[in-house]
C-alpha atoms as a PDB file:
ATOM      1  CA  MET A   1      -5.164 -19.979  -5.437  1.00  0.00           C
ATOM      2  CA  THR A   2      -4.795 -16.678  -7.301  1.00  0.00           C
ATOM      3  CA  LEU A   3      -3.547 -15.826 -10.766  1.00  0.00           C
ATOM      4  CA  ILE A   4      -0.950 -13.157 -11.436  1.00  0.00           C
ATOM      5  CA  TYR A   5       0.677 -12.211 -14.717  1.00  0.00           C
ATOM      6  CA  GLY A   6       3.464 -10.082 -16.151  1.00  0.00           C
ATOM      7  CA  ILE A   7       7.221 -10.598 -15.887  1.00  0.00           C
ATOM      8  CA  ASN A   8       7.975  -8.442 -12.832  1.00  0.00           C
ATOM      9  CA  PRO A   9       5.004  -9.608 -10.723  1.00  0.00           C
ATOM     10  CA  VAL A  10       5.841 -13.259 -11.423  1.00  0.00           C
ATOM     11  CA  LEU A  11       9.551 -12.817 -10.655  1.00  0.00           C
ATOM     12  CA  GLU A  12       8.750 -11.094  -7.349  1.00  0.00           C
ATOM     13  CA  ALA A  13       6.217 -13.788  -6.435  1.00  0.00           C
ATOM     14  CA  LEU A  14       8.851 -16.467  -7.120  1.00  0.00           C
ATOM     15  CA  ARG A  15      11.089 -14.799  -4.537  1.00  0.00           C
ATOM     16  CA  THR A  16       8.374 -15.215  -1.903  1.00  0.00           C
ATOM     17  CA  GLY A  17       8.104 -18.976  -2.491  1.00  0.00           C
ATOM     18  CA  ARG A  18       4.328 -18.978  -3.065  1.00  0.00           C
ATOM     19  CA  VAL A  19       4.215 -19.754  -6.808  1.00  0.00           C
ATOM     20  CA  THR A  20       2.873 -23.232  -7.540  1.00  0.00           C
ATOM     21  CA  GLU A  21       2.906 -23.240 -11.354  1.00  0.00           C
ATOM     22  CA  ILE A  22       4.007 -20.988 -14.204  1.00  0.00           C
ATOM     23  CA  ARG A  23       2.688 -20.850 -17.750  1.00  0.00           C
ATOM     24  CA  LEU A  24       5.058 -19.463 -20.397  1.00  0.00           C
ATOM     25  CA  VAL A  25       4.538 -18.712 -24.063  1.00  0.00           C
ATOM     26  CA  ASP A  26       8.247 -19.105 -24.904  1.00  0.00           C
ATOM     27  CA  ARG A  27      10.715 -20.116 -22.192  1.00  0.00           C
ATOM     28  CA  THR A  28      13.747 -19.488 -24.417  1.00  0.00           C
ATOM     29  CA  LYS A  29      13.119 -15.866 -25.302  1.00  0.00           C
ATOM     30  CA  GLY A  30      14.600 -12.830 -23.525  1.00  0.00           C
ATOM     31  CA  ARG A  31      13.214 -12.076 -20.071  1.00  0.00           C
ATOM     32  CA  LEU A  32      10.885 -15.065 -20.267  1.00  0.00           C
ATOM     33  CA  ALA A  33      13.994 -17.240 -20.179  1.00  0.00           C
ATOM     34  CA  ALA A  34      14.956 -15.506 -16.925  1.00  0.00           C
ATOM     35  CA  VAL A  35      11.535 -16.389 -15.516  1.00  0.00           C
ATOM     36  CA  ALA A  36      12.015 -20.037 -16.524  1.00  0.00           C
ATOM     37  CA  GLU A  37      15.460 -20.088 -14.892  1.00  0.00           C
ATOM     38  CA  ALA A  38      14.126 -18.551 -11.670  1.00  0.00           C
ATOM     39  CA  ALA A  39      11.305 -21.111 -11.604  1.00  0.00           C
ATOM     40  CA  ALA A  40      13.807 -23.934 -12.051  1.00  0.00           C
ATOM     41  CA  ARG A  41      15.874 -22.653  -9.125  1.00  0.00           C
ATOM     42  CA  GLU A  42      12.751 -22.570  -6.943  1.00  0.00           C
ATOM     43  CA  GLY A  43      11.564 -25.992  -8.113  1.00  0.00           C
ATOM     44  CA  VAL A  44       8.377 -24.563  -9.616  1.00  0.00           C
ATOM     45  CA  ALA A  45       6.725 -26.404 -12.495  1.00  0.00           C
ATOM     46  CA  VAL A  46       6.690 -24.588 -15.831  1.00  0.00           C
ATOM     47  CA  ARG A  47       4.364 -25.534 -18.660  1.00  0.00           C
ATOM     48  CA  SER A  48       4.028 -24.142 -22.150  1.00  0.00           C
ATOM     49  CA  ALA A  49       1.000 -22.116 -23.159  1.00  0.00           C
ATOM     50  CA  THR A  50      -0.123 -20.215 -26.206  1.00  0.00           C
ATOM     51  CA  ALA A  51      -0.654 -16.462 -26.196  1.00  0.00           C
ATOM     52  CA  SER A  52      -4.380 -16.991 -26.744  1.00  0.00           C
ATOM     53  CA  GLU A  53      -4.574 -19.290 -23.713  1.00  0.00           C
ATOM     54  CA  LEU A  54      -3.008 -16.601 -21.527  1.00  0.00           C
ATOM     55  CA  ASP A  55      -5.268 -13.966 -23.083  1.00  0.00           C
ATOM     56  CA  ARG A  56      -8.280 -15.993 -21.933  1.00  0.00           C
ATOM     57  CA  ALA A  57      -6.840 -16.800 -18.501  1.00  0.00           C
ATOM     58  CA  THR A  58      -5.960 -13.153 -17.796  1.00  0.00           C
ATOM     59  CA  ARG A  59      -9.154 -11.794 -19.406  1.00  0.00           C
ATOM     60  CA  GLY A  60      -7.201  -9.742 -21.876  1.00  0.00           C
ATOM     61  CA  GLY A  61      -4.567  -8.535 -19.402  1.00  0.00           C
ATOM     62  CA  VAL A  62      -1.094  -7.459 -20.539  1.00  0.00           C
ATOM     63  CA  HIS A  63       0.549 -10.734 -19.513  1.00  0.00           C
ATOM     64  CA  GLN A  64       3.871 -10.387 -21.420  1.00  0.00           C
ATOM     65  CA  GLY A  65       3.790 -14.102 -22.143  1.00  0.00           C
ATOM     66  CA  VAL A  66       3.738 -15.355 -18.563  1.00  0.00           C
ATOM     67  CA  ALA A  67       1.183 -16.130 -15.860  1.00  0.00           C
ATOM     68  CA  ALA A  68       1.515 -17.869 -12.513  1.00  0.00           C
ATOM     69  CA  ASN A  69      -0.683 -19.561  -9.946  1.00  0.00           C
ATOM     70  CA  VAL A  70       0.116 -18.284  -6.472  1.00  0.00           C
ATOM     71  CA  ALA A  71      -0.904 -20.018  -3.279  1.00  0.00           C
ATOM     72  CA  ALA A  72      -3.111 -17.913  -1.041  1.00  0.00           C
ATOM     73  CA  GLY A  73      -1.761 -17.024   2.361  1.00  0.00           C
ATOM     74  CA  ASN A  74      -2.836 -18.945   5.428  1.00  0.00           C
ATOM     75  CA  PRO A  75      -6.219 -17.460   6.504  1.00  0.00           C
ATOM     76  CA  GLY A  76      -5.136 -17.818  10.109  1.00  0.00           C
ATOM     77  CA  ALA A  77      -2.135 -15.600   9.388  1.00  0.00           C
ATOM     78  CA  ARG A  78      -4.102 -12.628   8.025  1.00  0.00           C
ATOM     79  CA  LEU A  79      -2.783  -9.324   9.228  1.00  0.00           C
ATOM     80  CA  GLY A  80      -4.552  -6.738  11.345  1.00  0.00           C
ATOM     81  CA  VAL A  81      -3.796  -3.081  12.051  1.00  0.00           C
ATOM     82  CA  GLN A  82      -1.670  -3.891  15.093  1.00  0.00           C
ATOM     83  CA  ASP A  83       0.455  -6.282  13.024  1.00  0.00           C
ATOM     84  CA  LEU A  84       1.497  -3.392  10.770  1.00  0.00           C
ATOM     85  CA  LEU A  85       2.448  -1.277  13.774  1.00  0.00           C
ATOM     86  CA  ASP A  86       4.318  -4.166  15.382  1.00  0.00           C
ATOM     87  CA  GLY A  87       6.222  -4.681  12.140  1.00  0.00           C
ATOM     88  CA  ALA A  88       7.292  -1.037  12.101  1.00  0.00           C
ATOM     89  CA  ALA A  89       8.398  -1.273  15.732  1.00  0.00           C
ATOM     90  CA  ALA A  90      10.414  -4.428  15.022  1.00  0.00           C
ATOM     91  CA  ALA A  91      12.175  -2.608  12.181  1.00  0.00           C
ATOM     92  CA  GLY A  92      12.884   0.407  14.390  1.00  0.00           C
ATOM     93  CA  ALA A  93      10.765   2.597  12.105  1.00  0.00           C
ATOM     94  CA  THR A  94       8.144   5.247  12.786  1.00  0.00           C
ATOM     95  CA  PRO A  95       4.812   3.887  11.500  1.00  0.00           C
ATOM     96  CA  LEU A  96       3.722   5.140   8.085  1.00  0.00           C
ATOM     97  CA  VAL A  97       0.540   3.426   6.944  1.00  0.00           C
ATOM     98  CA  VAL A  98      -1.794   3.980   3.993  1.00  0.00           C
ATOM     99  CA  VAL A  99      -5.519   3.410   4.620  1.00  0.00           C
ATOM    100  CA  LEU A 100      -7.679   2.734   1.561  1.00  0.00           C
ATOM    101  CA  ASP A 101     -11.328   3.757   1.729  1.00  0.00           C
ATOM    102  CA  GLY A 102     -13.157   2.072  -1.127  1.00  0.00           C
ATOM    103  CA  ILE A 103     -10.329   1.739  -3.663  1.00  0.00           C
ATOM    104  CA  GLU A 104     -11.880  -0.794  -6.036  1.00  0.00           C
ATOM    105  CA  ASP A 105      -9.976  -0.050  -9.247  1.00  0.00           C
ATOM    106  CA  PRO A 106      -7.225  -2.694  -9.573  1.00  0.00           C
ATOM    107  CA  HIS A 107      -4.834  -0.366 -11.418  1.00  0.00           C
ATOM    108  CA  ASN A 108      -5.060   2.225  -8.641  1.00  0.00           C
ATOM    109  CA  MET A 109      -4.651  -0.516  -6.047  1.00  0.00           C
ATOM    110  CA  GLY A 110      -1.520  -1.831  -7.740  1.00  0.00           C
ATOM    111  CA  ALA A 111      -0.013   1.615  -8.218  1.00  0.00           C
ATOM    112  CA  ILE A 112      -0.565   2.468  -4.544  1.00  0.00           C
ATOM    113  CA  LEU A 113       1.082  -0.784  -3.457  1.00  0.00           C
ATOM    114  CA  ARG A 114       4.043   0.045  -5.686  1.00  0.00           C
ATOM    115  CA  SER A 115       4.425   3.476  -4.034  1.00  0.00           C
ATOM    116  CA  VAL A 116       4.053   1.993  -0.544  1.00  0.00           C
ATOM    117  CA  ASP A 117       6.821  -0.495  -1.270  1.00  0.00           C
ATOM    118  CA  ALA A 118       9.069   2.137  -2.868  1.00  0.00           C
ATOM    119  CA  ALA A 119       8.651   4.437   0.134  1.00  0.00           C
ATOM    120  CA  GLY A 120       9.357   1.637   2.598  1.00  0.00           C
ATOM    121  CA  ALA A 121       6.064   2.324   4.368  1.00  0.00           C
ATOM    122  CA  SER A 122       4.670   0.030   7.054  1.00  0.00           C
ATOM    123  CA  GLY A 123       1.789  -1.336   5.005  1.00  0.00           C
ATOM    124  CA  VAL A 124      -1.749  -0.858   3.806  1.00  0.00           C
ATOM    125  CA  VAL A 125      -5.112  -1.104   5.551  1.00  0.00           C
ATOM    126  CA  ARG A 126      -8.122  -1.855   3.355  1.00  0.00           C
ATOM    127  CA  GLN A 127     -11.724  -2.901   3.812  1.00  0.00           C
ATOM    128  CA  SER A 128     -12.231  -6.518   2.807  1.00  0.00           C
ATOM    129  CA  ARG A 129     -15.535  -6.011   0.985  1.00  0.00           C
ATOM    130  CA  HIS A 130     -14.781  -2.802  -0.906  1.00  0.00           C
ATOM    131  CA  ALA A 131     -11.289  -3.253  -2.318  1.00  0.00           C
ATOM    132  CA  ALA A 132      -9.763  -4.505  -5.545  1.00  0.00           C
ATOM    133  CA  PRO A 133      -8.430  -8.080  -5.349  1.00  0.00           C
ATOM    134  CA  LEU A 134      -4.664  -8.387  -4.974  1.00  0.00           C
ATOM    135  CA  GLU A 135      -4.208 -10.367  -8.153  1.00  0.00           C
ATOM    136  CA  GLY A 136      -4.413  -9.973 -11.908  1.00  0.00           C
ATOM    137  CA  ALA A 137      -4.409  -6.321 -12.947  1.00  0.00           C
ATOM    138  CA  ALA A 138      -3.558  -5.086  -9.431  1.00  0.00           C
ATOM    139  CA  ALA A 139      -0.534  -7.379  -9.208  1.00  0.00           C
ATOM    140  CA  LYS A 140       0.589  -6.302 -12.688  1.00  0.00           C
ATOM    141  CA  ALA A 141       0.212  -2.587 -11.883  1.00  0.00           C
ATOM    142  CA  SER A 142       2.166  -3.068  -8.651  1.00  0.00           C
ATOM    143  CA  ALA A 143       5.211  -4.337 -10.627  1.00  0.00           C
ATOM    144  CA  GLY A 144       5.529  -7.134  -8.083  1.00  0.00           C
ATOM    145  CA  ALA A 145       5.099  -5.002  -4.953  1.00  0.00           C
ATOM    146  CA  VAL A 146       1.969  -6.995  -4.088  1.00  0.00           C
ATOM    147  CA  SER A 147       4.291  -9.828  -3.028  1.00  0.00           C
ATOM    148  CA  HIS A 148       6.080  -7.617  -0.488  1.00  0.00           C
ATOM    149  CA  VAL A 149       3.693  -5.012   0.945  1.00  0.00           C
ATOM    150  CA  ARG A 150       1.953  -5.985   4.180  1.00  0.00           C
ATOM    151  CA  VAL A 151      -1.826  -5.626   3.815  1.00  0.00           C
ATOM    152  CA  ALA A 152      -4.265  -5.642   6.728  1.00  0.00           C
ATOM    153  CA  ASP A 153      -7.844  -6.487   5.788  1.00  0.00           C
ATOM    154  CA  VAL A 154     -10.461  -4.976   8.092  1.00  0.00           C
ATOM    155  CA  VAL A 155     -14.236  -5.100   8.286  1.00  0.00           C
ATOM    156  CA  ASN A 156     -14.712  -1.382   8.925  1.00  0.00           C
ATOM    157  CA  VAL A 157     -12.303   1.386   7.855  1.00  0.00           C
ATOM    158  CA  ALA A 158     -13.664   3.941  10.328  1.00  0.00           C
ATOM    159  CA  ARG A 159     -13.037   1.523  13.205  1.00  0.00           C
ATOM    160  CA  ALA A 160      -9.559   0.798  11.873  1.00  0.00           C
ATOM    161  CA  ILE A 161      -8.805   4.512  11.984  1.00  0.00           C
ATOM    162  CA  GLU A 162      -9.928   4.609  15.611  1.00  0.00           C
ATOM    163  CA  GLU A 163      -7.623   1.659  16.338  1.00  0.00           C
ATOM    164  CA  LEU A 164      -4.721   3.510  14.741  1.00  0.00           C
ATOM    165  CA  LYS A 165      -5.464   6.637  16.765  1.00  0.00           C
ATOM    166  CA  GLU A 166      -5.670   4.658  19.998  1.00  0.00           C
ATOM    167  CA  ALA A 167      -2.252   3.187  19.189  1.00  0.00           C
ATOM    168  CA  GLY A 168      -0.739   6.665  18.897  1.00  0.00           C
ATOM    169  CA  VAL A 169      -0.903   7.137  15.135  1.00  0.00           C
ATOM    170  CA  TRP A 170      -2.057  10.439  13.642  1.00  0.00           C
ATOM    171  CA  THR A 171      -4.514  10.021  10.781  1.00  0.00           C
ATOM    172  CA  VAL A 172      -4.448  12.350   7.774  1.00  0.00           C
ATOM    173  CA  GLY A 173      -7.272  12.161   5.235  1.00  0.00           C
ATOM    174  CA  LEU A 174      -6.714  13.574   1.753  1.00  0.00           C
ATOM    175  CA  ALA A 175      -9.552  15.918   0.766  1.00  0.00           C
ATOM    176  CA  ALA A 176      -9.313  18.384  -2.119  1.00  0.00           C
ATOM    177  CA  GLU A 177     -11.339  21.079  -0.350  1.00  0.00           C
ATOM    178  CA  SER A 178      -9.223  21.215   2.814  1.00  0.00           C
ATOM    179  CA  PRO A 179      -7.435  24.550   3.404  1.00  0.00           C
ATOM    180  CA  LEU A 180      -4.576  22.690   5.112  1.00  0.00           C
ATOM    181  CA  ARG A 181      -1.859  21.709   2.637  1.00  0.00           C
ATOM    182  CA  TYR A 182      -0.322  18.253   2.840  1.00  0.00           C
ATOM    183  CA  ASP A 183       3.172  19.715   3.256  1.00  0.00           C
ATOM    184  CA  GLU A 184       2.046  21.574   6.393  1.00  0.00           C
ATOM    185  CA  ILE A 185       1.516  18.239   8.157  1.00  0.00           C
ATOM    186  CA  ASP A 186       4.297  16.957  10.379  1.00  0.00           C
ATOM    187  CA  PHE A 187       4.884  13.469   9.004  1.00  0.00           C
ATOM    188  CA  LYS A 188       7.760  12.801  11.382  1.00  0.00           C
ATOM    189  CA  LEU A 189       5.074  11.588  13.761  1.00  0.00           C
ATOM    190  CA  PRO A 190       3.537   8.107  13.413  1.00  0.00           C
ATOM    191  CA  THR A 191       1.100   8.684  10.562  1.00  0.00           C
ATOM    192  CA  ALA A 192      -1.626   6.973   8.571  1.00  0.00           C
ATOM    193  CA  VAL A 193      -2.520   8.550   5.219  1.00  0.00           C
ATOM    194  CA  VAL A 194      -6.184   7.923   4.359  1.00  0.00           C
ATOM    195  CA  VAL A 195      -7.264   8.037   0.708  1.00  0.00           C
ATOM    196  CA  GLY A 196     -10.694   7.593  -0.823  1.00  0.00           C
ATOM    197  CA  ALA A 197     -12.017   6.428  -4.161  1.00  0.00           C
ATOM    198  CA  GLU A 198     -11.852   8.722  -7.150  1.00  0.00           C
ATOM    199  CA  GLY A 199     -15.075  10.603  -7.708  1.00  0.00           C
ATOM    200  CA  THR A 200     -16.490  10.038  -4.227  1.00  0.00           C
ATOM    201  CA  GLY A 201     -13.472  10.635  -1.998  1.00  0.00           C
ATOM    202  CA  LEU A 202     -13.562   9.767   1.679  1.00  0.00           C
ATOM    203  CA  ARG A 203     -16.852   8.564   3.089  1.00  0.00           C
ATOM    204  CA  ARG A 204     -18.416  10.739   5.784  1.00  0.00           C
ATOM    205  CA  LEU A 205     -17.656   8.519   8.778  1.00  0.00           C
ATOM    206  CA  VAL A 206     -14.083   7.972   7.625  1.00  0.00           C
ATOM    207  CA  ARG A 207     -13.598  11.695   7.072  1.00  0.00           C
ATOM    208  CA  GLU A 208     -14.941  12.483  10.543  1.00  0.00           C
ATOM    209  CA  ARG A 209     -12.572  10.013  12.191  1.00  0.00           C
ATOM    210  CA  CYS A 210      -9.413  11.572  10.713  1.00  0.00           C
ATOM    211  CA  ASP A 211      -7.323  13.870  12.912  1.00  0.00           C
ATOM    212  CA  TRP A 212      -6.732  16.190   9.963  1.00  0.00           C
ATOM    213  CA  LEU A 213      -7.861  16.649   6.403  1.00  0.00           C
ATOM    214  CA  ALA A 214      -5.233  17.881   3.960  1.00  0.00           C
ATOM    215  CA  SER A 215      -5.138  18.790   0.293  1.00  0.00           C
ATOM    216  CA  ILE A 216      -2.579  18.819  -2.511  1.00  0.00           C
ATOM    217  CA  PRO A 217      -2.692  22.266  -4.167  1.00  0.00           C
ATOM    218  CA  MET A 218      -3.507  22.200  -7.877  1.00  0.00           C
ATOM    219  CA  ALA A 219      -2.024  24.817 -10.206  1.00  0.00           C
ATOM    220  CA  GLY A 220      -3.401  23.633 -13.548  1.00  0.00           C
ATOM    221  CA  HIS A 221      -6.797  23.232 -15.156  1.00  0.00           C
ATOM    222  CA  VAL A 222      -7.869  19.905 -13.645  1.00  0.00           C
ATOM    223  CA  GLY A 223      -9.237  19.832 -10.137  1.00  0.00           C
ATOM    224  CA  SER A 224      -7.706  16.678  -8.721  1.00  0.00           C
ATOM    225  CA  LEU A 225      -5.072  13.971  -9.064  1.00  0.00           C
ATOM    226  CA  ASN A 226      -5.381  10.259  -9.612  1.00  0.00           C
ATOM    227  CA  VAL A 227      -5.655   8.688  -6.152  1.00  0.00           C
ATOM    228  CA  SER A 228      -2.515   6.600  -6.599  1.00  0.00           C
ATOM    229  CA  VAL A 229      -0.525   9.680  -7.626  1.00  0.00           C
ATOM    230  CA  ALA A 230      -1.848  11.612  -4.627  1.00  0.00           C
ATOM    231  CA  ALA A 231      -0.897   8.785  -2.271  1.00  0.00           C
ATOM    232  CA  GLY A 232       2.610   8.661  -3.746  1.00  0.00           C
ATOM    233  CA  ILE A 233       3.118  12.416  -3.382  1.00  0.00           C
ATOM    234  CA  VAL A 234       2.166  12.373   0.295  1.00  0.00           C
ATOM    235  CA  LEU A 235       4.194   9.237   1.069  1.00  0.00           C
ATOM    236  CA  PHE A 236       7.358  10.750  -0.333  1.00  0.00           C
ATOM    237  CA  GLU A 237       6.735  14.040   1.446  1.00  0.00           C
ATOM    238  CA  ALA A 238       6.675  11.984   4.649  1.00  0.00           C
ATOM    239  CA  ILE A 239       9.929  10.285   3.679  1.00  0.00           C
ATOM    240  CA  ARG A 240      11.530  13.642   2.786  1.00  0.00           C
ATOM    241  CA  GLN A 241      10.613  15.105   6.175  1.00  0.00           C
ATOM    242  CA  ARG A 242      11.857  12.080   8.069  1.00  0.00           C
ATOM    243  CA  ARG A 243      15.176  11.966   6.248  1.00  0.00           C
ATOM    244  CA  HIS A 244      15.874  15.629   6.893  1.00  0.00           C
ATOM    245  CA  ALA A 245      14.575  15.842  10.442  1.00  0.00           C
ATOM    246  CA  GLY A 246      16.589  15.833  13.606  1.00  0.00           C
ATOM    247  CA  ALA A 247      15.469  13.971  16.720  1.00  0.00           C
ATOM    248  CA  GLY A 248      12.857  15.691  18.870  1.00  0.00           C
ATOM    249  CA  GLN A 249      11.536  18.019  16.179  1.00  0.00           C
ATOM    250  CA  ALA A 250       8.173  16.377  15.643  1.00  0.00           C
ATOM    251  CA  GLY A 251       4.955  18.214  16.402  1.00  0.00           C
ATOM    252  CA  ARG A 252       1.551  19.083  15.036  1.00  0.00           C
ATOM    253  CA  PRO A 253       1.165  21.985  12.567  1.00  0.00           C
ATOM    254  CA  GLY A 254       1.598  25.110  14.659  1.00  0.00           C
ATOM    255  CA  GLN A 255       2.917  23.051  17.591  1.00  0.00           C
ATOM    256  CA  ALA A 256       6.666  22.973  17.051  1.00  0.00           C
ATOM    257  CA  GLY A 257       8.632  20.534  19.139  1.00  0.00           C
ATOM    258  CA  GLY A 258       5.662  18.292  19.890  1.00  0.00           C
ATOM    259  CA  LYS A 259       4.446  20.356  22.851  1.00  0.00           C
ATOM    260  CA  ASP A 260       0.792  19.700  22.107  1.00  0.00           C
ATOM    261  CA  PRO A 261      -0.801  17.670  24.955  1.00  0.00           C
ATOM    262  CA  ALA A 262      -2.581  15.316  22.557  1.00  0.00           C
ATOM    263  CA  HIS A 263       0.723  14.621  20.836  1.00  0.00           C
ATOM    264  CA  GLN A 264       2.383  13.878  24.160  1.00  0.00           C
ATOM    265  CA  ALA A 265      -0.387  11.463  25.090  1.00  0.00           C
ATOM    266  CA  LYS A 266      -0.082   9.575  21.802  1.00  0.00           C
ATOM    267  CA  THR A 267       3.701   9.456  22.086  1.00  0.00           C
ATOM    268  CA  ALA A 268       3.355   7.974  25.580  1.00  0.00           C
ATOM    269  CA  LYS A 269       1.089   5.244  24.187  1.00  0.00           C
ATOM    270  CA  LEU A 270       3.607   4.341  21.516  1.00  0.00           C
ATOM    271  CA  GLN A 271       6.523   4.290  23.950  1.00  0.00           C
ATOM    272  CA  GLY A 272       4.656   2.358  26.612  1.00  0.00           C
ATOM    273  CA  PRO A 273       5.564   2.348  30.306  1.00  0.00           C
ATOM    274  CA  ASN A 274       9.169   3.130  31.259  1.00  0.00           C
END
């Protein structure tokens, strides 16, 4: 059982059918009344709570007068990397995955999930032991996206990148020092965007596994962006390219039309035998 709080996260969790109980400060007031009505429609128990009770339960989080207990998913139904790719294939979409290398700040985690959902990306890959929990502050920062984004938990991020590459997905690591700009990458191809923790960036093994490293040029006085902002910029560059691209125009930087042999081999893997 996990605890989430905030009006939008709770409303989105109610839509998934996993909320078991809701605590409200005032079920008759404004948007909290809408939460109470949604809970009633879903048959979810609602009990009254004081603001101080929610302050303690959420450890001082900005709960907006509401918190909810959410049933954990079935451990046997946990997702893997291939599940994200299969989901993209079922939706007729080109895979677009975000890989998190050591993102332990819950606000960054939530903001990235929000961008992934907004972009309609295929999902997120994260390391089980070095990632912020998908509850509390992360759920709040995601504005409810945590209830919708598909998340694959893996033991080793570097191995997950190898699995993505073997499945025909190009992997792009964000690194501030790279001379290759992010908008020079051809995101019309199946792509995984790999982001590292603020301050440390991508770990060495993860960096070495990526097909490319790319940077976001900075024109001001600060040297880098918040990791969630950087992930959002690159995701929507991928969406922009895909919306404006015609069929058959994908290729690596400097390899227009996808003539590169490595690209052809990966495309064959994705398409499978004729």
